[in-house]
Amino acid sequence: MSEAITTQPPSDRVLPHELPASLRDAGLTNWIREPLDDAVDRRRRIIMPPAAAAMGTPASAYQGALLAEARHPDTVFMMGDNPALPAMPERPVLKDFFLLRFSPIARTHLLQSARVARENGLDEKVVMACLVHDIAIAGLLSANHGYWGAQMVGPYVDEEVAWAIEKHEALRYFPDESVGYTYPEAYIDYFGPDYTPPEYIRREHEAARRHRWYMTSRLITINDIYSFDPTSSRTSTSSKTWSAGTSGSPARGSASTAPPSPTCGGR
């Protein structure tokens, strides 16, 4: 009888005694990657926390300690792909970002919004806008996510879709009874019953109401359902929305090509 063969997977665990106490105590060991057993070289790689991730947190005070680690032999700053993340295809498409980069909650929410828009009989342009309306929250950051989401998808979608994504963030705070949109009850839980949007959000809303593409953006808010249906993550949008070209170059007006790879985590 042959004995069962077991293999120990490569470890990227940072040994606590190898790092300065300041980094251990601050919980920053996750920003330093030990070389994997099957790595091409044997160098330790340091990930410098992006400002958006570290600002206002204890991590922001330890930039110097991380910089000092780079002076050690066989230690470099990480450039290129992060081995802690699943590998992306050579020419990733939008679906790859949903499956390999976005959290289950973000993925479910976006797919649910697109599914609701499709079931409501809206055209492909609105369905696409709903599919990626919170892409900045999913793959970049939450603050001003309408603006940043529009920047991420702008080179790849119709100009109207990008505009609608940018403006939905302001429109969502203001009811429009003429089309059946009311202030979401979830916002009372999220922001409190006494929340008042800042003045710049009010200005954005007023300007968007006068724009020729107002209804495209408003339809995002109408189909932006603040509940999370787990079946949505298993529901495909139309083949046109998911399909992607293989040229690897952005196509204006295409709903299929993927945005640039996000480099920092979302909410």
Foldseek 3Di string as FASTA:
>chain_A
DDDDDDDDFWDQDDDVVVADPVCVVLVNSVQKTADTPPDPDGAIEGEQDDCVVPPPGPSVVCNVRSVVVCPDPRYYHDDDDDPVFDDADPQHKAVSCLVGQFDLQVSQLLLQLLVLCVVVVHDPLLSLLSNQLQVCQRFNEDVQSLLVSLVQCVLAAAPLSSVLSNLLVLQQCDADVVVPGDNDPVVCVVPNPPDDDDPVSVVSNVVLVPDPSNVSSVSSSVSSDPDGDSCSSVDDDDCQQDDADDPSDHDYNGNMGGTPHGDDGHD
